[in-house]
Amino acid sequence: MHKQRLAVLIASAVGMLAVFLPWANVPLMGSVNGTQGDGLISFFLFIIPIVIVLLKDKSVAVKDGLIFAIIIPAVLASFVAIYDAYSFYDKMASLGNDPITKALGSSITLGIGLYLVIFAGIAAAVLSLVLKKK
């Protein structure tokens, strides 16, 4: 398998698996994974690059128009996660000034799954371009 295809396959698979990891950690309630929100959108977007790299001759790089069919869904999957992170911080900022609410809000954190989806989408897009000629 060509290095580009393998790199995109691994990055997309990591992105798909990251949907099942914690996207937020809430005290007293536990963690919230991506399947309980917008993570399923990212999951299905990562399927597209995987299908493309498994099509046709796997010993050559994906080129021309098909490379955009890898880049666009991967970047969109990252944007979904970035939007969720932005939304999280926006909601935390809009909490009241009550000390108890502030203490609870400051103990809620983003989980590793959200960061991995962002990283995997960007990695799949960048690696598909960087490794195209090698």
C-alpha atoms as a PDB file:
ATOM      1  CA  MET A   1       0.000   0.000   0.000  1.00  0.00           C
ATOM      2  CA  HIS A   2       1.264   3.472  -0.869  1.00  0.00           C
ATOM      3  CA  LYS A   3       2.497   5.579   2.067  1.00  0.00           C
ATOM      4  CA  GLN A   4      -0.097   8.271   1.410  1.00  0.00           C
ATOM      5  CA  ARG A   5      -2.960   5.802   1.462  1.00  0.00           C
ATOM      6  CA  LEU A   6      -1.660   4.130   4.611  1.00  0.00           C
ATOM      7  CA  ALA A   7      -1.233   7.457   6.414  1.00  0.00           C
ATOM      8  CA  VAL A   8      -4.749   8.607   5.499  1.00  0.00           C
ATOM      9  CA  LEU A   9      -6.155   5.219   6.489  1.00  0.00           C
ATOM     10  CA  ILE A  10      -4.501   5.362   9.917  1.00  0.00           C
ATOM     11  CA  ALA A  11      -5.454   9.006  10.565  1.00  0.00           C
ATOM     12  CA  SER A  12      -9.071   8.380   9.552  1.00  0.00           C
ATOM     13  CA  ALA A  13      -9.288   5.214  11.657  1.00  0.00           C
ATOM     14  CA  VAL A  14      -7.949   7.132  14.673  1.00  0.00           C
ATOM     15  CA  GLY A  15     -10.594   9.789  14.040  1.00  0.00           C
ATOM     16  CA  MET A  16     -13.339   7.185  13.901  1.00  0.00           C
ATOM     17  CA  LEU A  17     -12.171   5.527  17.115  1.00  0.00           C
ATOM     18  CA  ALA A  18     -11.870   8.897  18.854  1.00  0.00           C
ATOM     19  CA  VAL A  19     -15.630   9.338  18.536  1.00  0.00           C
ATOM     20  CA  PHE A  20     -16.020   6.602  21.142  1.00  0.00           C
ATOM     21  CA  LEU A  21     -13.592   8.243  23.573  1.00  0.00           C
ATOM     22  CA  PRO A  22     -14.577  10.959  26.081  1.00  0.00           C
ATOM     23  CA  TRP A  23     -15.328  14.345  24.513  1.00  0.00           C
ATOM     24  CA  ALA A  24     -16.110  15.948  27.873  1.00  0.00           C
ATOM     25  CA  ASN A  25     -15.480  14.991  31.471  1.00  0.00           C
ATOM     26  CA  VAL A  26     -18.223  16.037  33.859  1.00  0.00           C
ATOM     27  CA  PRO A  27     -17.743  15.552  37.599  1.00  0.00           C
ATOM     28  CA  LEU A  28     -20.328  13.381  39.333  1.00  0.00           C
ATOM     29  CA  MET A  29     -21.721  12.305  35.954  1.00  0.00           C
ATOM     30  CA  GLY A  30     -18.649  10.807  34.299  1.00  0.00           C
ATOM     31  CA  SER A  31     -17.597  11.336  30.727  1.00  0.00           C
ATOM     32  CA  VAL A  32     -19.573  12.134  27.619  1.00  0.00           C
ATOM     33  CA  ASN A  33     -18.352  10.507  24.419  1.00  0.00           C
ATOM     34  CA  GLY A  34     -18.803  11.707  20.870  1.00  0.00           C
ATOM     35  CA  THR A  35     -21.632   9.316  20.092  1.00  0.00           C
ATOM     36  CA  GLN A  36     -23.852  11.274  22.449  1.00  0.00           C
ATOM     37  CA  GLY A  37     -23.610  14.354  20.271  1.00  0.00           C
ATOM     38  CA  ASP A  38     -22.121  15.515  16.996  1.00  0.00           C
ATOM     39  CA  GLY A  39     -19.442  12.824  17.014  1.00  0.00           C
ATOM     40  CA  LEU A  40     -21.479  10.577  14.744  1.00  0.00           C
ATOM     41  CA  ILE A  41     -21.201  13.209  12.023  1.00  0.00           C
ATOM     42  CA  SER A  42     -17.411  13.025  12.311  1.00  0.00           C
ATOM     43  CA  PHE A  43     -17.554   9.236  12.361  1.00  0.00           C
ATOM     44  CA  PHE A  44     -19.404   9.064   9.057  1.00  0.00           C
ATOM     45  CA  LEU A  45     -17.216  11.772   7.506  1.00  0.00           C
ATOM     46  CA  PHE A  46     -14.109   9.693   8.280  1.00  0.00           C
ATOM     47  CA  ILE A  47     -15.614   6.723   6.425  1.00  0.00           C
ATOM     48  CA  ILE A  48     -15.293   8.575   3.105  1.00  0.00           C
ATOM     49  CA  PRO A  49     -11.464   8.859   3.108  1.00  0.00           C
ATOM     50  CA  ILE A  50     -11.153   5.254   4.235  1.00  0.00           C
ATOM     51  CA  VAL A  51     -13.301   4.026   1.347  1.00  0.00           C
ATOM     52  CA  ILE A  52     -11.354   6.152  -1.142  1.00  0.00           C
ATOM     53  CA  VAL A  53      -7.915   4.886  -0.060  1.00  0.00           C
ATOM     54  CA  LEU A  54      -9.145   1.290  -0.276  1.00  0.00           C
ATOM     55  CA  LEU A  55     -10.387   1.706  -3.869  1.00  0.00           C
ATOM     56  CA  LYS A  56      -8.474   0.900  -7.056  1.00  0.00           C
ATOM     57  CA  ASP A  57      -4.711   0.327  -7.186  1.00  0.00           C
ATOM     58  CA  LYS A  58      -3.390   0.675  -3.653  1.00  0.00           C
ATOM     59  CA  SER A  59       0.248   0.865  -4.758  1.00  0.00           C
ATOM     60  CA  VAL A  60      -0.129   4.398  -6.192  1.00  0.00           C
ATOM     61  CA  ALA A  61      -1.071   7.646  -4.488  1.00  0.00           C
ATOM     62  CA  VAL A  62      -4.550   9.126  -4.674  1.00  0.00           C
ATOM     63  CA  LYS A  63      -4.410  12.041  -7.112  1.00  0.00           C
ATOM     64  CA  ASP A  64      -6.478  14.653  -8.879  1.00  0.00           C
ATOM     65  CA  GLY A  65     -10.123  15.037  -7.868  1.00  0.00           C
ATOM     66  CA  LEU A  66     -10.184  12.083  -5.504  1.00  0.00           C
ATOM     67  CA  ILE A  67      -7.704  13.801  -3.223  1.00  0.00           C
ATOM     68  CA  PHE A  68     -10.345  16.458  -2.547  1.00  0.00           C
ATOM     69  CA  ALA A  69     -12.748  13.672  -1.603  1.00  0.00           C
ATOM     70  CA  ILE A  70     -10.247  12.850   1.154  1.00  0.00           C
ATOM     71  CA  ILE A  71      -9.450  16.407   2.227  1.00  0.00           C
ATOM     72  CA  ILE A  72     -12.963  17.857   2.401  1.00  0.00           C
ATOM     73  CA  PRO A  73     -14.592  15.219   4.663  1.00  0.00           C
ATOM     74  CA  ALA A  74     -11.503  15.072   6.901  1.00  0.00           C
ATOM     75  CA  VAL A  75     -11.468  18.833   7.388  1.00  0.00           C
ATOM     76  CA  LEU A  76     -15.245  18.886   7.927  1.00  0.00           C
ATOM     77  CA  ALA A  77     -14.875  16.231  10.635  1.00  0.00           C
ATOM     78  CA  SER A  78     -12.300  18.452  12.336  1.00  0.00           C
ATOM     79  CA  PHE A  79     -14.599  21.460  12.027  1.00  0.00           C
ATOM     80  CA  VAL A  80     -17.397  19.545  13.751  1.00  0.00           C
ATOM     81  CA  ALA A  81     -15.077  18.876  16.695  1.00  0.00           C
ATOM     82  CA  ILE A  82     -13.751  22.448  16.684  1.00  0.00           C
ATOM     83  CA  TYR A  83     -17.322  23.736  16.722  1.00  0.00           C
ATOM     84  CA  ASP A  84     -18.127  21.480  19.673  1.00  0.00           C
ATOM     85  CA  ALA A  85     -15.040  22.747  21.541  1.00  0.00           C
ATOM     86  CA  TYR A  86     -15.982  26.360  20.805  1.00  0.00           C
ATOM     87  CA  SER A  87     -19.556  25.691  21.889  1.00  0.00           C
ATOM     88  CA  PHE A  88     -18.277  24.110  25.104  1.00  0.00           C
ATOM     89  CA  TYR A  89     -16.139  27.121  25.986  1.00  0.00           C
ATOM     90  CA  ASP A  90     -18.962  29.492  25.047  1.00  0.00           C
ATOM     91  CA  LYS A  91     -21.341  27.688  27.405  1.00  0.00           C
ATOM     92  CA  MET A  92     -18.764  27.699  30.191  1.00  0.00           C
ATOM     93  CA  ALA A  93     -18.287  31.454  29.744  1.00  0.00           C
ATOM     94  CA  SER A  94     -22.025  32.084  29.926  1.00  0.00           C
ATOM     95  CA  LEU A  95     -22.426  30.420  33.308  1.00  0.00           C
ATOM     96  CA  GLY A  96     -23.574  32.696  36.095  1.00  0.00           C
ATOM     97  CA  ASN A  97     -21.359  34.406  38.639  1.00  0.00           C
ATOM     98  CA  ASP A  98     -22.538  32.153  41.440  1.00  0.00           C
ATOM     99  CA  PRO A  99     -19.448  30.603  43.156  1.00  0.00           C
ATOM    100  CA  ILE A 100     -20.922  27.103  43.082  1.00  0.00           C
ATOM    101  CA  THR A 101     -21.753  27.363  39.392  1.00  0.00           C
ATOM    102  CA  LYS A 102     -18.266  28.694  38.638  1.00  0.00           C
ATOM    103  CA  ALA A 103     -16.637  25.872  40.606  1.00  0.00           C
ATOM    104  CA  LEU A 104     -18.710  23.245  38.816  1.00  0.00           C
ATOM    105  CA  GLY A 105     -18.076  24.859  35.435  1.00  0.00           C
ATOM    106  CA  SER A 106     -14.329  25.013  35.984  1.00  0.00           C
ATOM    107  CA  SER A 107     -14.203  21.304  36.813  1.00  0.00           C
ATOM    108  CA  ILE A 108     -15.814  20.287  33.490  1.00  0.00           C
ATOM    109  CA  THR A 109     -13.085  19.613  30.944  1.00  0.00           C
ATOM    110  CA  LEU A 110     -12.823  18.582  27.328  1.00  0.00           C
ATOM    111  CA  GLY A 111     -11.879  14.963  26.741  1.00  0.00           C
ATOM    112  CA  ILE A 112      -9.135  13.383  24.678  1.00  0.00           C
ATOM    113  CA  GLY A 113     -11.554  12.157  22.011  1.00  0.00           C
ATOM    114  CA  LEU A 114     -12.432  15.669  20.895  1.00  0.00           C
ATOM    115  CA  TYR A 115      -8.773  16.609  20.518  1.00  0.00           C
ATOM    116  CA  LEU A 116      -8.027  13.389  18.628  1.00  0.00           C
ATOM    117  CA  VAL A 117     -10.820  14.013  16.117  1.00  0.00           C
ATOM    118  CA  ILE A 118      -9.448  17.497  15.428  1.00  0.00           C
ATOM    119  CA  PHE A 119      -5.915  16.167  15.053  1.00  0.00           C
ATOM    120  CA  ALA A 120      -6.930  13.164  12.927  1.00  0.00           C
ATOM    121  CA  GLY A 121      -8.938  15.244  10.455  1.00  0.00           C
ATOM    122  CA  ILE A 122      -6.143  17.746   9.975  1.00  0.00           C
ATOM    123  CA  ALA A 123      -3.553  14.958   9.765  1.00  0.00           C
ATOM    124  CA  ALA A 124      -5.515  13.054   7.111  1.00  0.00           C
ATOM    125  CA  ALA A 125      -5.879  16.193   4.983  1.00  0.00           C
ATOM    126  CA  VAL A 126      -2.258  17.307   5.322  1.00  0.00           C
ATOM    127  CA  LEU A 127      -0.755  13.845   4.874  1.00  0.00           C
ATOM    128  CA  SER A 128      -2.809  13.246   1.747  1.00  0.00           C
ATOM    129  CA  LEU A 129      -1.148  16.287   0.186  1.00  0.00           C
ATOM    130  CA  VAL A 130       2.357  15.921   1.597  1.00  0.00           C
ATOM    131  CA  LEU A 131       2.774  12.250   0.740  1.00  0.00           C
ATOM    132  CA  LYS A 132       1.146  12.508  -2.686  1.00  0.00           C
ATOM    133  CA  LYS A 133       4.419  12.640  -4.630  1.00  0.00           C
ATOM    134  CA  LYS A 134       6.603  10.414  -2.457  1.00  0.00           C
END
